[in-house]
Amino acid sequence: MDNKVITDELINERLEAKGFGEKQSEDESLARESVLNHFGVKFTTGFNNNAEFSIYEESTADGYSVWVATHDVRNISICEDVHYYDTDLADRLAEFIQNSNGDEDFPEYVYVDDDGADFIDYAIEQVFAYQSERLEEEVINELIDEGYEEQD
């Protein structure tokens, strides 16, 4: 009787089929595509009051730059939505993506004034790593259900 053993290669093969394997983790554009498709999110650079989340730069009265990250551009909370540093934006964007209710047919839109901004890349990396871990556990459980055994 042949024992079916769970290997790293088998796990990766299944993860790649789901869009979250080594191939995608090594290619920023594939990782971005996988994250956005999986969570049903699309970026737009055209300002839209109907976007589910918006991130953009504003200027203060005395000429300093601040960044706004909000669910409602008509009701901005200075304490929660305005950021002095753009480094804070990756966490806000990652949180939005992970909690998105969008899908392929009805995506949730995120307005950004620069879709090449570093905080977007950092957010995608965070979400990709988070989802990869979750899917790896799922894949292992599926394999066990299919009669595979974990390596010693």
N, C-alpha and C. Protein backbone atom coordinates (compact mmCIF):
# COMPACT_ATOMS: atom_id res chain seq x y z
N MET A 1 0.84 -1.19 0.00
CA MET A 1 0.00 0.00 0.00
C MET A 1 0.88 1.25 0.00
N ASP A 2 0.65 2.16 -0.95
CA ASP A 2 1.41 3.40 -1.03
C ASP A 2 0.79 4.45 -0.12
N ASN A 3 1.63 5.05 0.69
CA ASN A 3 1.16 6.15 1.53
C ASN A 3 1.24 7.45 0.74
N LYS A 4 0.17 8.20 0.80
CA LYS A 4 0.15 9.51 0.17
C LYS A 4 0.65 10.50 1.22
N VAL A 5 1.77 11.15 0.90
CA VAL A 5 2.41 12.04 1.86
C VAL A 5 2.28 13.49 1.40
N ILE A 6 1.98 14.37 2.34
CA ILE A 6 1.90 15.80 2.04
C ILE A 6 3.32 16.34 1.94
N THR A 7 3.64 16.93 0.80
CA THR A 7 4.96 17.53 0.60
C THR A 7 4.81 19.03 0.37
N ASP A 8 5.92 19.74 0.53
CA ASP A 8 5.91 21.17 0.27
C ASP A 8 5.55 21.45 -1.19
N GLU A 9 6.02 20.57 -2.09
CA GLU A 9 5.74 20.75 -3.51
C GLU A 9 4.24 20.60 -3.79
N LEU A 10 3.62 19.63 -3.14
CA LEU A 10 2.19 19.40 -3.33
C LEU A 10 1.38 20.58 -2.78
N ILE A 11 1.78 21.06 -1.62
CA ILE A 11 1.10 22.23 -1.03
C ILE A 11 1.24 23.42 -1.96
N ASN A 12 2.46 23.67 -2.45
CA ASN A 12 2.69 24.81 -3.33
C ASN A 12 1.89 24.68 -4.63
N GLU A 13 1.81 23.48 -5.17
CA GLU A 13 1.04 23.26 -6.40
C GLU A 13 -0.42 23.68 -6.19
N ARG A 14 -0.98 23.30 -5.07
CA ARG A 14 -2.37 23.66 -4.77
C ARG A 14 -2.50 25.17 -4.50
N LEU A 15 -1.51 25.73 -3.79
CA LEU A 15 -1.55 27.17 -3.52
C LEU A 15 -1.45 27.98 -4.82
N GLU A 16 -0.60 27.54 -5.73
CA GLU A 16 -0.48 28.25 -7.01
C GLU A 16 -1.78 28.19 -7.79
N ALA A 17 -2.48 27.08 -7.70
CA ALA A 17 -3.77 26.95 -8.39
C ALA A 17 -4.79 27.94 -7.81
N LYS A 18 -4.62 28.28 -6.54
CA LYS A 18 -5.51 29.24 -5.88
C LYS A 18 -5.00 30.68 -6.02
N GLY A 19 -3.80 30.84 -6.61
CA GLY A 19 -3.24 32.17 -6.82
C GLY A 19 -2.33 32.67 -5.72
N PHE A 20 -1.95 31.79 -4.78
CA PHE A 20 -1.17 32.24 -3.64
C PHE A 20 0.03 31.35 -3.36
N GLY A 21 0.70 30.88 -4.42
CA GLY A 21 1.86 30.02 -4.28
C GLY A 21 3.16 30.79 -4.51
N GLU A 22 4.24 30.03 -4.64
CA GLU A 22 5.56 30.64 -4.83
C GLU A 22 5.63 31.48 -6.10
N LYS A 23 5.02 30.98 -7.19
CA LYS A 23 5.06 31.71 -8.46
C LYS A 23 4.50 33.12 -8.27
N GLN A 24 3.38 33.23 -7.59
CA GLN A 24 2.76 34.53 -7.39
C GLN A 24 3.54 35.38 -6.38
N SER A 25 4.11 34.73 -5.36
CA SER A 25 4.82 35.50 -4.34
C SER A 25 6.11 36.11 -4.90
N GLU A 26 6.63 35.55 -5.98
CA GLU A 26 7.87 36.05 -6.57
C GLU A 26 7.63 37.07 -7.68
N ASP A 27 6.38 37.36 -7.99
CA ASP A 27 6.05 38.30 -9.06
C ASP A 27 5.02 39.30 -8.53
N GLU A 28 5.46 40.55 -8.33
CA GLU A 28 4.58 41.57 -7.74
C GLU A 28 3.26 41.73 -8.47
N SER A 29 3.30 41.70 -9.79
CA SER A 29 2.06 41.92 -10.54
C SER A 29 1.11 40.73 -10.38
N LEU A 30 1.64 39.50 -10.34
CA LEU A 30 0.79 38.33 -10.10
C LEU A 30 0.21 38.34 -8.69
N ALA A 31 1.03 38.73 -7.72
CA ALA A 31 0.56 38.80 -6.33
C ALA A 31 -0.56 39.84 -6.21
N ARG A 32 -0.35 40.98 -6.83
CA ARG A 32 -1.37 42.04 -6.79
C ARG A 32 -2.67 41.56 -7.43
N GLU A 33 -2.55 40.95 -8.59
CA GLU A 33 -3.73 40.43 -9.28
C GLU A 33 -4.46 39.39 -8.43
N SER A 34 -3.71 38.48 -7.80
CA SER A 34 -4.32 37.44 -6.96
C SER A 34 -5.07 38.03 -5.79
N VAL A 35 -4.44 38.99 -5.12
CA VAL A 35 -5.07 39.62 -3.95
C VAL A 35 -6.34 40.36 -4.36
N LEU A 36 -6.23 41.20 -5.38
CA LEU A 36 -7.38 42.01 -5.78
C LEU A 36 -8.53 41.14 -6.29
N ASN A 37 -8.21 40.10 -7.06
CA ASN A 37 -9.26 39.20 -7.55
C ASN A 37 -9.90 38.41 -6.42
N HIS A 38 -9.06 37.89 -5.52
CA HIS A 38 -9.58 37.07 -4.43
C HIS A 38 -10.54 37.86 -3.53
N PHE A 39 -10.19 39.10 -3.24
CA PHE A 39 -11.00 39.90 -2.32
C PHE A 39 -12.01 40.80 -3.04
N GLY A 40 -12.03 40.76 -4.38
CA GLY A 40 -13.01 41.54 -5.13
C GLY A 40 -12.80 43.04 -4.98
N VAL A 41 -11.57 43.48 -5.16
CA VAL A 41 -11.23 44.90 -5.01
C VAL A 41 -10.60 45.39 -6.30
N LYS A 42 -10.94 46.61 -6.67
CA LYS A 42 -10.31 47.27 -7.82
C LYS A 42 -9.90 48.67 -7.42
N PHE A 43 -8.76 49.12 -7.96
CA PHE A 43 -8.31 50.48 -7.74
C PHE A 43 -8.80 51.36 -8.87
N THR A 44 -9.08 52.60 -8.53
CA THR A 44 -9.42 53.60 -9.53
C THR A 44 -8.68 54.88 -9.18
N THR A 45 -8.21 55.58 -10.21
CA THR A 45 -7.55 56.85 -9.97
C THR A 45 -8.46 58.03 -10.33
N GLY A 46 -9.67 57.72 -10.76
CA GLY A 46 -10.66 58.76 -11.03
C GLY A 46 -11.47 59.01 -9.77
N PHE A 47 -11.40 60.23 -9.23
CA PHE A 47 -12.10 60.51 -7.97
C PHE A 47 -13.56 60.17 -8.10
N ASN A 48 -14.06 59.46 -7.11
CA ASN A 48 -15.42 58.95 -7.15
C ASN A 48 -15.99 58.95 -5.75
N ASN A 49 -17.02 59.73 -5.52
CA ASN A 49 -17.65 59.78 -4.20
C ASN A 49 -18.26 58.44 -3.81
N ASN A 50 -18.45 57.55 -4.78
CA ASN A 50 -19.08 56.26 -4.49
C ASN A 50 -18.07 55.15 -4.22
N ALA A 51 -16.79 55.46 -4.24
CA ALA A 51 -15.78 54.44 -3.92
C ALA A 51 -15.99 53.99 -2.48
N GLU A 52 -15.78 52.70 -2.24
CA GLU A 52 -15.98 52.17 -0.89
C GLU A 52 -14.87 52.60 0.06
N PHE A 53 -13.69 52.96 -0.50
CA PHE A 53 -12.58 53.43 0.32
C PHE A 53 -11.75 54.37 -0.53
N SER A 54 -11.25 55.44 0.06
CA SER A 54 -10.47 56.43 -0.67
C SER A 54 -9.20 56.76 0.09
N ILE A 55 -8.10 56.86 -0.65
CA ILE A 55 -6.82 57.27 -0.08
C ILE A 55 -6.22 58.32 -1.01
N TYR A 56 -5.96 59.50 -0.47
CA TYR A 56 -5.43 60.56 -1.30
C TYR A 56 -4.69 61.58 -0.44
N GLU A 57 -3.88 62.37 -1.13
CA GLU A 57 -3.08 63.41 -0.48
C GLU A 57 -3.85 64.72 -0.49
N GLU A 58 -3.76 65.44 0.60
CA GLU A 58 -4.34 66.78 0.72
C GLU A 58 -3.27 67.71 1.27
N SER A 59 -3.49 69.01 1.15
CA SER A 59 -2.59 70.00 1.73
C SER A 59 -3.29 70.72 2.86
N THR A 60 -2.54 70.98 3.92
CA THR A 60 -3.08 71.76 5.03
C THR A 60 -3.05 73.24 4.65
N ALA A 61 -3.69 74.06 5.45
CA ALA A 61 -3.75 75.50 5.17
C ALA A 61 -2.36 76.12 5.13
N ASP A 62 -1.41 75.55 5.89
CA ASP A 62 -0.06 76.11 5.90
C ASP A 62 0.90 75.35 4.99
N GLY A 63 0.36 74.55 4.05
CA GLY A 63 1.17 73.97 2.99
C GLY A 63 1.80 72.60 3.26
N TYR A 64 1.44 71.95 4.34
CA TYR A 64 1.96 70.61 4.60
C TYR A 64 1.08 69.55 3.93
N SER A 65 1.69 68.43 3.60
CA SER A 65 0.93 67.33 3.02
C SER A 65 0.44 66.40 4.12
N VAL A 66 -0.79 65.96 3.99
CA VAL A 66 -1.37 64.93 4.84
C VAL A 66 -2.08 63.95 3.91
N TRP A 67 -2.36 62.77 4.41
CA TRP A 67 -3.03 61.76 3.61
C TRP A 67 -4.34 61.39 4.29
N VAL A 68 -5.36 61.25 3.47
CA VAL A 68 -6.68 60.87 3.96
C VAL A 68 -6.96 59.44 3.53
N ALA A 69 -7.39 58.62 4.48
CA ALA A 69 -7.80 57.23 4.19
C ALA A 69 -9.15 57.05 4.86
N THR A 70 -10.21 57.00 4.05
CA THR A 70 -11.55 57.02 4.62
C THR A 70 -12.54 56.17 3.82
N HIS A 71 -13.58 55.76 4.51
CA HIS A 71 -14.69 55.06 3.87
C HIS A 71 -15.72 56.04 3.33
N ASP A 72 -15.68 57.29 3.81
CA ASP A 72 -16.69 58.27 3.42
C ASP A 72 -16.03 59.64 3.23
N VAL A 73 -15.80 60.04 1.99
CA VAL A 73 -15.13 61.31 1.72
C VAL A 73 -15.98 62.51 2.12
N ARG A 74 -17.26 62.29 2.35
CA ARG A 74 -18.14 63.39 2.77
C ARG A 74 -18.18 63.57 4.28
N ASN A 75 -17.55 62.63 5.00
CA ASN A 75 -17.58 62.67 6.46
C ASN A 75 -16.22 62.20 7.00
N ILE A 76 -15.21 63.05 6.90
CA ILE A 76 -13.85 62.69 7.27
C ILE A 76 -13.61 63.00 8.74
N SER A 77 -13.09 62.01 9.45
CA SER A 77 -12.72 62.18 10.85
C SER A 77 -11.24 62.55 10.90
N ILE A 78 -10.94 63.73 11.42
CA ILE A 78 -9.55 64.18 11.51
C ILE A 78 -8.73 63.19 12.34
N CYS A 79 -9.28 62.70 13.44
CA CYS A 79 -8.55 61.79 14.34
C CYS A 79 -8.29 60.42 13.71
N GLU A 80 -9.23 59.89 12.94
CA GLU A 80 -9.12 58.52 12.44
C GLU A 80 -8.70 58.42 10.97
N ASP A 81 -9.04 59.40 10.18
CA ASP A 81 -8.85 59.28 8.73
C ASP A 81 -7.68 60.08 8.16
N VAL A 82 -7.14 61.03 8.90
CA VAL A 82 -6.07 61.89 8.39
C VAL A 82 -4.74 61.43 8.98
N HIS A 83 -3.76 61.25 8.09
CA HIS A 83 -2.46 60.72 8.48
C HIS A 83 -1.35 61.69 8.08
N TYR A 84 -0.45 61.94 9.00
CA TYR A 84 0.67 62.83 8.74
C TYR A 84 1.73 62.14 7.88
N TYR A 85 1.85 60.81 8.02
CA TYR A 85 2.83 60.04 7.26
C TYR A 85 2.11 59.05 6.35
N ASP A 86 2.60 58.91 5.12
CA ASP A 86 1.98 57.96 4.21
C ASP A 86 2.32 56.51 4.57
N THR A 87 3.26 56.30 5.48
CA THR A 87 3.61 54.93 5.89
C THR A 87 2.47 54.28 6.67
N ASP A 88 1.58 55.07 7.23
CA ASP A 88 0.43 54.52 7.96
C ASP A 88 -0.65 53.98 7.03
N LEU A 89 -0.58 54.32 5.77
CA LEU A 89 -1.66 54.00 4.84
C LEU A 89 -1.72 52.52 4.47
N ALA A 90 -0.58 51.83 4.46
CA ALA A 90 -0.56 50.42 4.08
C ALA A 90 -1.44 49.59 5.01
N ASP A 91 -1.35 49.83 6.29
CA ASP A 91 -2.17 49.07 7.25
C ASP A 91 -3.65 49.33 7.04
N ARG A 92 -4.01 50.59 6.80
CA ARG A 92 -5.43 50.92 6.56
C ARG A 92 -5.94 50.25 5.29
N LEU A 93 -5.13 50.27 4.23
CA LEU A 93 -5.53 49.66 2.97
C LEU A 93 -5.61 48.14 3.11
N ALA A 94 -4.63 47.53 3.76
CA ALA A 94 -4.64 46.07 3.95
C ALA A 94 -5.88 45.65 4.73
N GLU A 95 -6.22 46.41 5.76
CA GLU A 95 -7.42 46.10 6.55
C GLU A 95 -8.68 46.18 5.69
N PHE A 96 -8.76 47.22 4.86
CA PHE A 96 -9.92 47.34 3.99
C PHE A 96 -10.02 46.15 3.05
N ILE A 97 -8.91 45.80 2.40
CA ILE A 97 -8.92 44.70 1.44
C ILE A 97 -9.35 43.39 2.12
N GLN A 98 -8.78 43.10 3.28
CA GLN A 98 -9.10 41.85 3.96
C GLN A 98 -10.57 41.78 4.39
N ASN A 99 -11.19 42.91 4.62
CA ASN A 99 -12.58 42.93 5.05
C ASN A 99 -13.55 43.25 3.92
N SER A 100 -13.05 43.25 2.70
CA SER A 100 -13.87 43.58 1.55
C SER A 100 -14.97 42.55 1.34
N ASN A 101 -16.09 43.04 0.84
CA ASN A 101 -17.21 42.16 0.50
C ASN A 101 -17.43 42.10 -1.01
N GLY A 102 -16.44 42.53 -1.76
CA GLY A 102 -16.58 42.56 -3.21
C GLY A 102 -16.39 41.19 -3.82
N ASP A 103 -16.73 41.10 -5.09
CA ASP A 103 -16.46 39.89 -5.86
C ASP A 103 -16.17 40.31 -7.30
N GLU A 104 -15.93 39.34 -8.15
CA GLU A 104 -15.52 39.65 -9.51
C GLU A 104 -16.57 40.47 -10.27
N ASP A 105 -17.84 40.16 -10.08
CA ASP A 105 -18.90 40.87 -10.79
C ASP A 105 -19.23 42.22 -10.17
N PHE A 106 -19.08 42.32 -8.85
CA PHE A 106 -19.39 43.56 -8.14
C PHE A 106 -18.25 43.89 -7.19
N PRO A 107 -17.13 44.39 -7.76
CA PRO A 107 -15.98 44.69 -6.91
C PRO A 107 -16.21 45.92 -6.04
N GLU A 108 -15.43 46.01 -4.98
CA GLU A 108 -15.41 47.22 -4.17
C GLU A 108 -14.27 48.08 -4.70
N TYR A 109 -14.56 49.35 -4.93
CA TYR A 109 -13.58 50.24 -5.51
C TYR A 109 -12.84 51.03 -4.44
N VAL A 110 -11.53 51.16 -4.68
CA VAL A 110 -10.66 51.97 -3.83
C VAL A 110 -10.11 53.08 -4.69
N TYR A 111 -10.42 54.32 -4.31
CA TYR A 111 -9.85 55.47 -5.01
C TYR A 111 -8.47 55.76 -4.43
N VAL A 112 -7.49 55.84 -5.30
CA VAL A 112 -6.14 56.28 -4.92
C VAL A 112 -5.69 57.31 -5.94
N ASP A 113 -5.00 58.34 -5.48
CA ASP A 113 -4.56 59.34 -6.46
C ASP A 113 -3.28 58.91 -7.16
N ASP A 114 -2.62 57.85 -6.65
CA ASP A 114 -1.41 57.33 -7.28
C ASP A 114 -1.39 55.81 -7.09
N ASP A 115 -1.78 55.04 -8.13
CA ASP A 115 -1.86 53.59 -7.96
C ASP A 115 -0.49 52.91 -8.01
N GLY A 116 0.58 53.70 -8.10
CA GLY A 116 1.93 53.16 -8.01
C GLY A 116 2.61 53.49 -6.69
N ALA A 117 1.85 54.01 -5.74
CA ALA A 117 2.42 54.41 -4.45
C ALA A 117 2.94 53.21 -3.67
N ASP A 118 4.01 53.43 -2.94
CA ASP A 118 4.64 52.36 -2.17
C ASP A 118 3.69 51.72 -1.16
N PHE A 119 2.82 52.52 -0.53
CA PHE A 119 1.93 51.95 0.48
C PHE A 119 1.00 50.89 -0.10
N ILE A 120 0.69 51.00 -1.40
CA ILE A 120 -0.15 49.99 -2.04
C ILE A 120 0.62 48.67 -2.14
N ASP A 121 1.88 48.76 -2.56
CA ASP A 121 2.70 47.55 -2.63
C ASP A 121 2.84 46.88 -1.27
N TYR A 122 3.07 47.69 -0.23
CA TYR A 122 3.21 47.14 1.12
C TYR A 122 1.90 46.47 1.58
N ALA A 123 0.78 47.11 1.28
CA ALA A 123 -0.51 46.53 1.66
C ALA A 123 -0.75 45.21 0.94
N ILE A 124 -0.45 45.16 -0.35
CA ILE A 124 -0.62 43.94 -1.12
C ILE A 124 0.26 42.83 -0.54
N GLU A 125 1.51 43.15 -0.20
CA GLU A 125 2.41 42.16 0.41
C GLU A 125 1.83 41.62 1.71
N GLN A 126 1.30 42.51 2.55
CA GLN A 126 0.71 42.09 3.83
C GLN A 126 -0.47 41.15 3.61
N VAL A 127 -1.35 41.54 2.72
CA VAL A 127 -2.55 40.74 2.47
C VAL A 127 -2.18 39.42 1.81
N PHE A 128 -1.22 39.45 0.89
CA PHE A 128 -0.79 38.22 0.23
C PHE A 128 -0.25 37.23 1.26
N ALA A 129 0.62 37.70 2.15
CA ALA A 129 1.20 36.82 3.19
C ALA A 129 0.10 36.27 4.10
N TYR A 130 -0.82 37.13 4.51
CA TYR A 130 -1.93 36.73 5.37
C TYR A 130 -2.78 35.64 4.69
N GLN A 131 -3.15 35.88 3.44
CA GLN A 131 -4.01 34.94 2.73
C GLN A 131 -3.28 33.64 2.40
N SER A 132 -1.99 33.73 2.09
CA SER A 132 -1.20 32.52 1.82
C SER A 132 -1.19 31.60 3.03
N GLU A 133 -0.99 32.17 4.21
CA GLU A 133 -0.99 31.37 5.44
C GLU A 133 -2.34 30.70 5.66
N ARG A 134 -3.40 31.46 5.48
CA ARG A 134 -4.75 30.90 5.66
C ARG A 134 -5.01 29.78 4.66
N LEU A 135 -4.65 30.00 3.41
CA LEU A 135 -4.89 29.00 2.38
C LEU A 135 -4.00 27.78 2.56
N GLU A 136 -2.79 27.95 3.08
CA GLU A 136 -1.92 26.80 3.32
C GLU A 136 -2.56 25.86 4.34
N GLU A 137 -3.12 26.42 5.41
CA GLU A 137 -3.83 25.59 6.39
C GLU A 137 -5.00 24.86 5.74
N GLU A 138 -5.74 25.59 4.90
CA GLU A 138 -6.89 25.02 4.19
C GLU A 138 -6.45 23.88 3.27
N VAL A 139 -5.37 24.08 2.53
CA VAL A 139 -4.86 23.07 1.61
C VAL A 139 -4.43 21.82 2.37
N ILE A 140 -3.72 22.00 3.47
CA ILE A 140 -3.28 20.85 4.28
C ILE A 140 -4.49 20.06 4.77
N ASN A 141 -5.51 20.75 5.25
CA ASN A 141 -6.72 20.07 5.71
C ASN A 141 -7.41 19.33 4.57
N GLU A 142 -7.45 19.94 3.39
CA GLU A 142 -8.05 19.27 2.22
C GLU A 142 -7.28 17.99 1.89
N LEU A 143 -5.95 18.07 1.92
CA LEU A 143 -5.13 16.91 1.61
C LEU A 143 -5.33 15.79 2.64
N ILE A 144 -5.43 16.15 3.89
CA ILE A 144 -5.68 15.16 4.95
C ILE A 144 -7.03 14.49 4.71
N ASP A 145 -8.03 15.30 4.34
CA ASP A 145 -9.36 14.76 4.03
C ASP A 145 -9.32 13.82 2.83
N GLU A 146 -8.36 14.04 1.92
CA GLU A 146 -8.21 13.19 0.74
C GLU A 146 -7.36 11.95 1.02
N GLY A 147 -6.94 11.77 2.26
CA GLY A 147 -6.19 10.58 2.63
C GLY A 147 -4.69 10.76 2.67
N TYR A 148 -4.20 11.96 2.51
CA TYR A 148 -2.77 12.21 2.60
C TYR A 148 -2.38 12.27 4.08
N GLU A 149 -1.10 11.97 4.32
CA GLU A 149 -0.56 12.02 5.69
C GLU A 149 0.54 13.04 5.74
N GLU A 150 0.67 13.70 6.90
CA GLU A 150 1.73 14.69 7.08
C GLU A 150 3.06 13.97 7.28
N GLN A 151 4.13 14.60 6.79
CA GLN A 151 5.48 14.03 6.96
C GLN A 151 5.89 14.12 8.41
N ASP A 152 6.71 13.16 8.83
CA ASP A 152 7.22 13.19 10.21
C ASP A 152 8.37 14.14 10.35
